Amino acid sequence: MSSEKKSVLILGGGLAGLTAAKRLIDKGFQVKVLEKREIFGGKVSSWKDEEGDWIESGTHCFFGAYKVLYDLLKEIKTDHAVLWKEHQLTYTLNGGERFTFNTWDLPSPLHLLPAIAKNGYFTLGEMAAFSKSLIPLALQKDKYPPTQDHLTFAEWAEQKKFGKRLMDKMFRPMALALKFIPPEEISAKIILDVTETFYRLPDSSRMGFLKGAPQEYIHQPLLDYSASKGAIFKNRTAVDELLYDGGEIKGVQLRNGEIMTADYYLCALPIHNLNKVLPDSLKQHDRFFGGLDNLDAVPVISVQIWYDKEIATDDNVLFSPDGVIPVYANLARTTPDYRTLRGIPFNGKTRFEFCVAPARSLMGLTKEEIIRQVDLSVRNCYPEASRGAQILKATLVKIPHSVYAPTPFMEQYRPTQTTPVRNLFLAGGFSQQLYYDSMGGAVMSANLAVEGIVKEAGLMDS
């Protein structure tokens, strides 16, 4: 490596951008990160409100499958902050009914036997029909899901005839929890990919929660690490356009009129913002970039409600096919640092965090109306435990553009991290990697983008 360090300008300070910054600074590059918002973290961001309570952009569960994420946390010495929960999936229904998919500590696929035979809700006939539908997946493994990208999961399930009740009660909240869109919209490939991973790797479906805020256990440690080695982070810095000329990126035009340059450029932006900064000349230059306009982002709503009594005692993620709360958790149980309200200990009560989905039809509603619907869903699922419960505080976060929408036929438009432009690279969950738009996907995409930059720079990847 020459004595003069190569420079990389990273657009976007979400998890992908922060991961890439660490990886690049470790490789000896000069790194500068530009972030439009006041805070870093992107779709995994968290912040304290005016009353001192941590607010999150969404309910963030840590799947056992995300090895690349845990490798990163080990490097910044915060892997201890992931608290693993019992390996089960619990569904809550209207009227107080519930069922749980448990696992056994056995090799695949035997670990799933109790989920099939002892869930206490679905009949053996229903589970047998579902198991039969998965025969192609068992035989072809990861080669099968890509062949089903032309179907929605609902269309695929109808072909396999495994039953409406399984679809409505089990897979509807799963689809909404994974990608915030229902089975009638999500590509069959997505659900089948996840199912195949859970089927093949026993610990992949195990879930955990951070003991506190992502800002404290992921983002700030990444910022501190990279900054200590010379990386520069600029927040409140919006990018207007990439400047493309002569077959490469010549610079970045900022909204304030400034132009910044580097040897390499890494766009770690969500898909809707990436499409805004790509110049038309570049989109017309290559189908690789032109196809990105086909990728759209999904709206997401996150709600937190503090109740004055304990409604749910589960120390785990919860799913609900009824109402507007497909996935949620009692953070007063799952997340020790969050057992406060306005800075005061909040023990023996409830602090729910909900993913409210599908959000498209709810985005125009008032905060009060959305919280009313969420509260109604809670009381329907917990008719006894919620009796007399009063709301002490409620917060709402609306994100008009979150993860990309993995609808049928979209897989062909997901880009690789290395682009046809020599000095332009991409990172983000919408790009091609194993984990789609997720924390694991953000980290894996950053790793792959950095590999591309290292290779282009002619450096040994150590």
Foldseek 3Di string as FASTA:
>chain_A
DDPDAFEEEEEAQALLSLLLLLQVLVVPHAYEYEAQAPDGHACAAWDADPLGAIDGSADAKDFPQLVLLLVQLVVLVQNVQWDWDAQKAKAFEFPQDIWMQHFDPDAFPNRRVCNQPPRPPDDNLLSVLVVVLCPVCVVVPLVPLVVQLQAQLVVSCVVSVSDDCCQLWPVQLVVCVQAQDGSRFATNSVVSLVVSCVRRDVRRGTITDGLDGCVVSPSVSSVVVSVVSNYHYHYSWAWQAFDDDDLATAFTQTPVRDTGGGQFYEYADALVSVLRHYDPVVLVVDVLNVLSVVWFFAKWKKKKWWKLAAQDPDQDWHAYSDFFFGIKDFCCRRHVVNCDDSRHGNPRTTIMMGTGHPCPVPPPPDPVVVVVRVVVRSCRRRVPSCVPIDTPDMDMDIDRGGFIRNGRPSVVNAAQQDDSRLRYGYAAQSHDDSRHHHSSRSSVSSVRNSVSVCVSVVHDDD
